[in-house]
PDB file of N, CA and C in Angstrom:
ATOM      1  N   ILE A   1      -5.092  12.750  10.010  1.00  0.00           N
ATOM      2  CA  ILE A   1      -4.967  11.525   9.365  1.00  0.00           C
ATOM      3  C   ILE A   1      -5.835  11.740   7.869  1.00  0.00           C
ATOM      4  N   ILE A   2      -6.561  12.253   7.662  1.00  0.00           N
ATOM      5  CA  ILE A   2      -6.620  12.576   6.575  1.00  0.00           C
ATOM      6  C   ILE A   2      -5.693  13.549   5.920  1.00  0.00           C
ATOM      7  N   THR A   3      -5.068  14.430   5.743  1.00  0.00           N
ATOM      8  CA  THR A   3      -4.109  15.222   5.616  1.00  0.00           C
ATOM      9  C   THR A   3      -3.268  13.829   4.952  1.00  0.00           C
ATOM     10  N   GLU A   4      -2.862  13.431   5.839  1.00  0.00           N
ATOM     11  CA  GLU A   4      -1.740  12.372   6.185  1.00  0.00           C
ATOM     12  C   GLU A   4      -2.163  10.613   4.804  1.00  0.00           C
ATOM     13  N   ARG A   5      -3.326  10.280   4.597  1.00  0.00           N
ATOM     14  CA  ARG A   5      -4.388   9.815   4.411  1.00  0.00           C
ATOM     15  C   ARG A   5      -3.987  10.191   2.681  1.00  0.00           C
ATOM     16  N   ASP A   6      -4.132  11.625   2.392  1.00  0.00           N
ATOM     17  CA  ASP A   6      -4.239  12.170   0.942  1.00  0.00           C
ATOM     18  C   ASP A   6      -2.725  12.089   0.248  1.00  0.00           C
ATOM     19  N   ARG A   7      -2.253  11.900   1.504  1.00  0.00           N
ATOM     20  CA  ARG A   7      -1.058  12.199   0.540  1.00  0.00           C
ATOM     21  C   ARG A   7      -0.164  11.038   0.461  1.00  0.00           C
ATOM     22  N   LEU A   8      -0.929   9.684   0.885  1.00  0.00           N
ATOM     23  CA  LEU A   8      -0.450   8.847   0.266  1.00  0.00           C
ATOM     24  C   LEU A   8      -0.983   8.138  -0.515  1.00  0.00           C
ATOM     25  N   PHE A   9      -1.935   8.028  -0.652  1.00  0.00           N
ATOM     26  CA  PHE A   9      -2.893   8.005  -2.032  1.00  0.00           C
ATOM     27  C   PHE A   9      -2.214   9.011  -2.977  1.00  0.00           C
ATOM     28  N   ASN A  10      -1.446  10.026  -2.966  1.00  0.00           N
ATOM     29  CA  ASN A  10      -0.727  10.204  -4.190  1.00  0.00           C
ATOM     30  C   ASN A  10       0.360  10.021  -4.483  1.00  0.00           C
ATOM     31  N   GLU A  11       1.399   9.631  -3.151  1.00  0.00           N
ATOM     32  CA  GLU A  11       2.050   8.865  -3.765  1.00  0.00           C
ATOM     33  C   GLU A  11       2.048   7.617  -4.158  1.00  0.00           C
ATOM     34  N   LEU A  12       1.164   7.070  -3.680  1.00  0.00           N
ATOM     35  CA  LEU A  12       0.693   5.395  -4.121  1.00  0.00           C
ATOM     36  C   LEU A  12       0.218   5.774  -5.536  1.00  0.00           C
ATOM     37  N   LYS A  13      -0.672   6.943  -6.534  1.00  0.00           N
ATOM     38  CA  LYS A  13      -0.512   6.841  -7.395  1.00  0.00           C
ATOM     39  C   LYS A  13       0.635   6.767  -8.363  1.00  0.00           C
ATOM     40  N   LYS A  14       1.492   6.789  -7.969  1.00  0.00           N
ATOM     41  CA  LYS A  14       2.560   6.882  -8.845  1.00  0.00           C
ATOM     42  C   LYS A  14       3.586   6.279  -9.183  1.00  0.00           C
ATOM     43  N   LEU A  15       2.934   5.447  -8.288  1.00  0.00           N
ATOM     44  CA  LEU A  15       3.809   2.938  -8.777  1.00  0.00           C
ATOM     45  C   LEU A  15       2.363   2.819  -9.553  1.00  0.00           C
ATOM     46  N   LYS A  16       2.924   2.800 -10.488  1.00  0.00           N
ATOM     47  CA  LYS A  16       2.308   1.621 -11.871  1.00  0.00           C
ATOM     48  C   LYS A  16       2.044   0.878 -11.476  1.00  0.00           C
ATOM     49  N   TRP A  17       1.992  -0.391 -10.729  1.00  0.00           N
ATOM     50  CA  TRP A  17       2.063  -1.120 -10.635  1.00  0.00           C
ATOM     51  C   TRP A  17       1.606  -1.408  -9.088  1.00  0.00           C
ATOM     52  N   LEU A  18       1.644  -0.014  -9.085  1.00  0.00           N
ATOM     53  CA  LEU A  18      -0.438  -0.399  -7.665  1.00  0.00           C
ATOM     54  C   LEU A  18      -1.629   0.280  -7.969  1.00  0.00           C
ATOM     55  N   LYS A  19      -2.453  -0.483  -8.044  1.00  0.00           N
ATOM     56  CA  LYS A  19      -3.857   0.429  -8.003  1.00  0.00           C
ATOM     57  C   LYS A  19      -4.286   1.322  -6.790  1.00  0.00           C
ATOM     58  N   PRO A  20      -4.180   2.390  -5.936  1.00  0.00           N
ATOM     59  CA  PRO A  20      -4.859   2.831  -4.898  1.00  0.00           C
ATOM     60  C   PRO A  20      -6.849   3.320  -5.324  1.00  0.00           C
ATOM     61  N   PHE A  21      -7.201   2.836  -4.578  1.00  0.00           N
ATOM     62  CA  PHE A  21      -8.935   2.659  -4.876  1.00  0.00           C
ATOM     63  C   PHE A  21      -8.985   4.674  -3.407  1.00  0.00           C
ATOM     64  N   PRO A  22      -9.883   5.840  -3.926  1.00  0.00           N
ATOM     65  CA  PRO A  22     -10.093   6.518  -3.466  1.00  0.00           C
ATOM     66  C   PRO A  22     -10.883   6.120  -1.969  1.00  0.00           C
ATOM     67  N   SER A  23     -10.762   7.685  -0.954  1.00  0.00           N
ATOM     68  CA  SER A  23     -10.919   6.434   0.006  1.00  0.00           C
ATOM     69  C   SER A  23     -11.052   7.836   1.484  1.00  0.00           C
ATOM     70  N   GLN A  24     -12.243   7.227   2.254  1.00  0.00           N
ATOM     71  CA  GLN A  24     -12.247   8.390   3.534  1.00  0.00           C
ATOM     72  C   GLN A  24     -12.388   7.655   5.077  1.00  0.00           C
ATOM     73  N   ALA A  25     -12.484   6.762   4.503  1.00  0.00           N
ATOM     74  CA  ALA A  25     -11.363   5.824   5.403  1.00  0.00           C
ATOM     75  C   ALA A  25     -10.678   6.345   6.261  1.00  0.00           C
ATOM     76  N   ASN A  26     -10.025   5.503   7.305  1.00  0.00           N
ATOM     77  CA  ASN A  26      -8.228   5.537   7.648  1.00  0.00           C
ATOM     78  C   ASN A  26      -7.376   5.483   7.332  1.00  0.00           C
ATOM     79  N   PHE A  27      -7.255   4.587   5.828  1.00  0.00           N
ATOM     80  CA  PHE A  27      -6.870   3.748   5.301  1.00  0.00           C
ATOM     81  C   PHE A  27      -7.505   3.620   3.584  1.00  0.00           C
ATOM     82  N   ILE A  28      -5.948   3.504   2.853  1.00  0.00           N
ATOM     83  CA  ILE A  28      -5.893   2.908   1.457  1.00  0.00           C
ATOM     84  C   ILE A  28      -6.350   2.146   0.489  1.00  0.00           C
ATOM     85  N   LEU A  29      -6.659   1.656   0.697  1.00  0.00           N
ATOM     86  CA  LEU A  29      -6.791   0.045  -0.311  1.00  0.00           C
ATOM     87  C   LEU A  29      -6.345   0.152  -2.293  1.00  0.00           C
ATOM     88  N   CYS A  30      -5.452  -0.719  -2.089  1.00  0.00           N
ATOM     89  CA  CYS A  30      -4.811  -0.431  -3.237  1.00  0.00           C
ATOM     90  C   CYS A  30      -4.698  -2.398  -3.353  1.00  0.00           C
ATOM     91  N   SER A  31      -5.100  -2.476  -5.655  1.00  0.00           N
ATOM     92  CA  SER A  31      -5.122  -3.100  -5.838  1.00  0.00           C
ATOM     93  C   SER A  31      -3.404  -3.933  -6.439  1.00  0.00           C
ATOM     94  N   VAL A  32      -3.423  -4.531  -6.575  1.00  0.00           N
ATOM     95  CA  VAL A  32      -1.675  -5.153  -6.778  1.00  0.00           C
ATOM     96  C   VAL A  32      -1.770  -5.578  -8.080  1.00  0.00           C
ATOM     97  N   LEU A  33      -1.123  -4.613 -10.156  1.00  0.00           N
ATOM     98  CA  LEU A  33      -1.195  -4.628 -10.789  1.00  0.00           C
ATOM     99  C   LEU A  33      -1.149  -6.557 -11.113  1.00  0.00           C
ATOM    100  N   ASN A  34      -0.326  -6.488 -10.495  1.00  0.00           N
ATOM    101  CA  ASN A  34       0.854  -7.399 -11.434  1.00  0.00           C
ATOM    102  C   ASN A  34       0.612  -9.204 -10.027  1.00  0.00           C
ATOM    103  N   GLY A  35       0.119  -8.723  -9.621  1.00  0.00           N
ATOM    104  CA  GLY A  35      -0.776 -10.096  -9.296  1.00  0.00           C
ATOM    105  C   GLY A  35       0.211 -11.155  -7.839  1.00  0.00           C
ATOM    106  N   ARG A  36       0.698  -9.806  -7.056  1.00  0.00           N
ATOM    107  CA  ARG A  36       2.018 -10.736  -6.357  1.00  0.00           C
ATOM    108  C   ARG A  36       1.521 -10.048  -4.636  1.00  0.00           C
ATOM    109  N   ALA A  37       0.218  -9.863  -4.794  1.00  0.00           N
ATOM    110  CA  ALA A  37      -0.184  -8.891  -3.520  1.00  0.00           C
ATOM    111  C   ALA A  37      -0.245  -9.736  -1.923  1.00  0.00           C
ATOM    112  N   ARG A  38       0.792 -11.230  -1.910  1.00  0.00           N
ATOM    113  CA  ARG A  38       1.228 -11.923  -0.751  1.00  0.00           C
ATOM    114  C   ARG A  38       2.093 -11.309  -0.560  1.00  0.00           C
ATOM    115  N   GLU A  39       2.610 -12.063  -2.274  1.00  0.00           N
ATOM    116  CA  GLU A  39       4.430 -11.706  -2.461  1.00  0.00           C
ATOM    117  C   GLU A  39       4.948 -10.368  -1.615  1.00  0.00           C
ATOM    118  N   LEU A  40       3.912  -9.214  -1.434  1.00  0.00           N
ATOM    119  CA  LEU A  40       4.387  -7.800  -1.431  1.00  0.00           C
ATOM    120  C   LEU A  40       4.057  -7.876  -0.363  1.00  0.00           C
ATOM    121  N   ARG A  41       3.205  -8.213   0.351  1.00  0.00           N
ATOM    122  CA  ARG A  41       2.619  -8.382   1.644  1.00  0.00           C
ATOM    123  C   ARG A  41       4.610  -8.390   2.717  1.00  0.00           C
ATOM    124  N   GLN A  42       4.228  -9.733   2.126  1.00  0.00           N
ATOM    125  CA  GLN A  42       5.664 -10.753   2.671  1.00  0.00           C
ATOM    126  C   GLN A  42       6.755 -10.082   2.722  1.00  0.00           C
ATOM    127  N   LYS A  43       7.101  -9.334   1.453  1.00  0.00           N
ATOM    128  CA  LYS A  43       8.930  -8.407   1.897  1.00  0.00           C
ATOM    129  C   LYS A  43       7.988  -7.131   2.331  1.00  0.00           C
ATOM    130  N   LEU A  44       7.214  -6.510   2.573  1.00  0.00           N
ATOM    131  CA  LEU A  44       7.151  -5.148   3.754  1.00  0.00           C
ATOM    132  C   LEU A  44       7.353  -5.541   5.045  1.00  0.00           C
ATOM    133  N   GLN A  45       6.476  -7.069   5.375  1.00  0.00           N
ATOM    134  CA  GLN A  45       6.599  -7.254   6.578  1.00  0.00           C
ATOM    135  C   GLN A  45       7.950  -7.748   7.030  1.00  0.00           C
ATOM    136  N   ASP A  46       9.100  -8.021   5.788  1.00  0.00           N
ATOM    137  CA  ASP A  46      10.218  -8.435   6.336  1.00  0.00           C
ATOM    138  C   ASP A  46      10.974  -7.255   6.836  1.00  0.00           C
ATOM    139  N   LYS A  47      10.826  -5.989   6.154  1.00  0.00           N
ATOM    140  CA  LYS A  47      11.617  -4.990   6.674  1.00  0.00           C
ATOM    141  C   LYS A  47      10.459  -3.776   7.566  1.00  0.00           C
ATOM    142  N   GLY A  48       9.399  -5.029   8.213  1.00  0.00           N
ATOM    143  CA  GLY A  48       9.127  -4.312   9.260  1.00  0.00           C
ATOM    144  C   GLY A  48       7.821  -3.329   8.456  1.00  0.00           C
ATOM    145  N   ILE A  49       6.881  -3.736   7.605  1.00  0.00           N
ATOM    146  CA  ILE A  49       6.014  -2.922   7.273  1.00  0.00           C
ATOM    147  C   ILE A  49       5.326  -3.494   7.233  1.00  0.00           C
ATOM    148  N   LEU A  50       3.737  -3.441   7.870  1.00  0.00           N
ATOM    149  CA  LEU A  50       3.234  -4.422   8.559  1.00  0.00           C
ATOM    150  C   LEU A  50       1.593  -3.685   7.366  1.00  0.00           C
ATOM    151  N   VAL A  51       0.913  -4.317   6.239  1.00  0.00           N
ATOM    152  CA  VAL A  51       0.237  -4.066   5.415  1.00  0.00           C
ATOM    153  C   VAL A  51      -1.015  -5.277   5.407  1.00  0.00           C
ATOM    154  N   ARG A  52      -2.241  -5.186   5.491  1.00  0.00           N
ATOM    155  CA  ARG A  52      -3.155  -6.665   5.733  1.00  0.00           C
ATOM    156  C   ARG A  52      -3.143  -6.617   4.136  1.00  0.00           C
ATOM    157  N   TYR A  53      -3.615  -7.932   3.934  1.00  0.00           N
ATOM    158  CA  TYR A  53      -3.417  -9.173   2.756  1.00  0.00           C
ATOM    159  C   TYR A  53      -4.807  -9.780   2.309  1.00  0.00           C
ATOM    160  N   PHE A  54      -6.215  -9.215   1.339  1.00  0.00           N
ATOM    161  CA  PHE A  54      -6.765 -10.043   0.856  1.00  0.00           C
ATOM    162  C   PHE A  54      -6.912 -11.598  -0.254  1.00  0.00           C
ATOM    163  N   ASP A  55      -7.391 -12.427   0.632  1.00  0.00           N
ATOM    164  CA  ASP A  55      -7.276 -13.176  -0.025  1.00  0.00           C
ATOM    165  C   ASP A  55      -8.615 -13.874  -0.616  1.00  0.00           C
ATOM    166  N   LYS A  56      -9.197 -13.457  -1.078  1.00  0.00           N
ATOM    167  CA  LYS A  56     -10.915 -13.623  -0.931  1.00  0.00           C
ATOM    168  C   LYS A  56     -11.544 -13.109  -2.680  1.00  0.00           C
ATOM    169  N   PRO A  57     -12.656 -13.871  -2.935  1.00  0.00           N
ATOM    170  CA  PRO A  57     -12.840 -13.339  -4.956  1.00  0.00           C
ATOM    171  C   PRO A  57     -12.891 -11.176  -5.168  1.00  0.00           C
ATOM    172  N   MET A  58     -13.394 -11.099  -4.177  1.00  0.00           N
ATOM    173  CA  MET A  58     -13.645 -10.051  -4.708  1.00  0.00           C
ATOM    174  C   MET A  58     -12.482  -8.757  -4.432  1.00  0.00           C
ATOM    175  N   LEU A  59     -11.788  -9.155  -3.656  1.00  0.00           N
ATOM    176  CA  LEU A  59     -10.449  -8.409  -2.771  1.00  0.00           C
ATOM    177  C   LEU A  59      -9.144  -8.753  -3.695  1.00  0.00           C
ATOM    178  N   ARG A  60      -9.427 -10.997  -3.390  1.00  0.00           N
ATOM    179  CA  ARG A  60      -8.443 -11.087  -4.314  1.00  0.00           C
ATOM    180  C   ARG A  60      -6.746  -9.790  -5.511  1.00  0.00           C
ATOM    181  N   ASP A  61      -6.039 -10.034  -4.617  1.00  0.00           N
ATOM    182  CA  ASP A  61      -4.544  -8.742  -4.836  1.00  0.00           C
ATOM    183  C   ASP A  61      -4.894  -7.950  -4.980  1.00  0.00           C
ATOM    184  N   CYS A  62      -5.513  -7.800  -3.154  1.00  0.00           N
ATOM    185  CA  CYS A  62      -4.986  -6.241  -2.671  1.00  0.00           C
ATOM    186  C   CYS A  62      -4.855  -6.012  -1.449  1.00  0.00           C
ATOM    187  N   ILE A  63      -4.526  -5.153  -0.727  1.00  0.00           N
ATOM    188  CA  ILE A  63      -3.651  -4.487   0.343  1.00  0.00           C
ATOM    189  C   ILE A  63      -4.196  -4.010   0.453  1.00  0.00           C
ATOM    190  N   ARG A  64      -4.420  -3.526   1.643  1.00  0.00           N
ATOM    191  CA  ARG A  64      -4.559  -2.609   2.175  1.00  0.00           C
ATOM    192  C   ARG A  64      -3.989  -1.454   3.180  1.00  0.00           C
ATOM    193  N   ILE A  65      -4.015  -1.099   3.077  1.00  0.00           N
ATOM    194  CA  ILE A  65      -2.315   0.028   3.492  1.00  0.00           C
ATOM    195  C   ILE A  65      -2.890   1.393   4.171  1.00  0.00           C
ATOM    196  N   SER A  66      -2.833   1.027   5.898  1.00  0.00           N
ATOM    197  CA  SER A  66      -3.525   2.566   7.360  1.00  0.00           C
ATOM    198  C   SER A  66      -2.995   3.393   6.775  1.00  0.00           C
ATOM    199  N   ALA A  67      -3.193   4.564   7.571  1.00  0.00           N
ATOM    200  CA  ALA A  67      -2.613   6.428   6.882  1.00  0.00           C
ATOM    201  C   ALA A  67      -2.045   6.102   8.332  1.00  0.00           C
ATOM    202  N   GLY A  68      -0.969   7.221   8.286  1.00  0.00           N
ATOM    203  CA  GLY A  68      -0.346   6.359   9.897  1.00  0.00           C
ATOM    204  C   GLY A  68       0.800   8.006  10.571  1.00  0.00           C
ATOM    205  N   LYS A  69       1.547   8.283  10.651  1.00  0.00           N
ATOM    206  CA  LYS A  69       2.144   9.102  10.710  1.00  0.00           C
ATOM    207  C   LYS A  69       3.327   9.659   8.865  1.00  0.00           C
ATOM    208  N   PRO A  70       3.248  11.083   9.619  1.00  0.00           N
ATOM    209  CA  PRO A  70       4.392  10.698   7.921  1.00  0.00           C
ATOM    210  C   PRO A  70       5.749   9.842   7.834  1.00  0.00           C
ATOM    211  N   GLU A  71       6.198  10.114   8.989  1.00  0.00           N
ATOM    212  CA  GLU A  71       7.610   8.933   8.711  1.00  0.00           C
ATOM    213  C   GLU A  71       7.074   7.427   8.177  1.00  0.00           C
ATOM    214  N   HIS A  72       6.067   7.209   8.786  1.00  0.00           N
ATOM    215  CA  HIS A  72       5.515   6.246   8.224  1.00  0.00           C
ATOM    216  C   HIS A  72       5.142   5.507   6.878  1.00  0.00           C
ATOM    217  N   THR A  73       4.497   6.998   6.731  1.00  0.00           N
ATOM    218  CA  THR A  73       4.985   7.439   5.377  1.00  0.00           C
ATOM    219  C   THR A  73       5.668   7.394   4.167  1.00  0.00           C
ATOM    220  N   ASP A  74       6.838   7.934   4.702  1.00  0.00           N
ATOM    221  CA  ASP A  74       8.305   8.146   4.045  1.00  0.00           C
ATOM    222  C   ASP A  74       9.274   6.223   4.028  1.00  0.00           C
ATOM    223  N   ALA A  75       8.870   5.640   5.103  1.00  0.00           N
ATOM    224  CA  ALA A  75       9.606   4.439   4.813  1.00  0.00           C
ATOM    225  C   ALA A  75       8.249   3.203   3.990  1.00  0.00           C
ATOM    226  N   LEU A  76       7.353   3.656   4.292  1.00  0.00           N
ATOM    227  CA  LEU A  76       6.606   2.850   3.149  1.00  0.00           C
ATOM    228  C   LEU A  76       6.873   2.962   1.562  1.00  0.00           C
ATOM    229  N   ILE A  77       6.423   4.621   1.424  1.00  0.00           N
ATOM    230  CA  ILE A  77       6.945   5.236  -0.339  1.00  0.00           C
ATOM    231  C   ILE A  77       8.608   4.572  -0.895  1.00  0.00           C
ATOM    232  N   LYS A  78       9.594   4.311   0.327  1.00  0.00           N
ATOM    233  CA  LYS A  78      10.918   4.883   0.238  1.00  0.00           C
ATOM    234  C   LYS A  78      10.689   2.992   0.010  1.00  0.00           C
ATOM    235  N   THR A  79      10.596   2.027   0.821  1.00  0.00           N
ATOM    236  CA  THR A  79      10.341   1.146   0.379  1.00  0.00           C
ATOM    237  C   THR A  79       9.779   0.126  -1.074  1.00  0.00           C
ATOM    238  N   LEU A  80       8.449   0.612  -0.737  1.00  0.00           N
ATOM    239  CA  LEU A  80       7.570   0.447  -2.511  1.00  0.00           C
ATOM    240  C   LEU A  80       8.618   0.340  -3.225  1.00  0.00           C
ATOM    241  N   ARG A  81       9.423   1.704  -3.049  1.00  0.00           N
ATOM    242  CA  ARG A  81      10.010   1.944  -4.811  1.00  0.00           C
ATOM    243  C   ARG A  81      11.143   1.191  -4.764  1.00  0.00           C
ATOM    244  N   GLU A  82      11.639   0.535  -3.885  1.00  0.00           N
ATOM    245  CA  GLU A  82      12.736  -0.446  -3.692  1.00  0.00           C
ATOM    246  C   GLU A  82      12.035  -1.338  -4.183  1.00  0.00           C
ATOM    247  N   LEU A  83      11.844  -1.692  -4.045  1.00  0.00           N
ATOM    248  CA  LEU A  83      10.958  -3.239  -4.359  1.00  0.00           C
ATOM    249  C   LEU A  83      10.875  -3.059  -5.231  1.00  0.00           C
ATOM    250  N   GLU A  84      10.037  -1.984  -6.278  1.00  0.00           N
ATOM    251  CA  GLU A  84       9.925  -1.885  -7.599  1.00  0.00           C
ATOM    252  C   GLU A  84      10.732  -2.072  -8.700  1.00  0.00           C
ATOM    253  N   LYS A  85      11.784  -1.604  -8.417  1.00  0.00           N
ATOM    254  CA  LYS A  85      13.032  -2.002  -9.106  1.00  0.00           C
ATOM    255  C   LYS A  85      13.637  -3.507  -9.462  1.00  0.00           C
TER     256      LYS A  85
END
């Protein structure tokens, strides 16, 4: 999990519209810089990828992505890159 979390973090950093925060947990918290976290969560859910969305004042426009298997990270990053276009 630690190795995959670190890989996930490094891949998320490459996306200019997400700001991942370093983590020691089994997930990465990301701020959606374009302010559309709710829409992003729905688009990912439509593709079968579940992330947690927050709509609280301190976490507004943030999503939480759990670290999983390498193939899960690959699918997530591929989908995020497609949504970026």
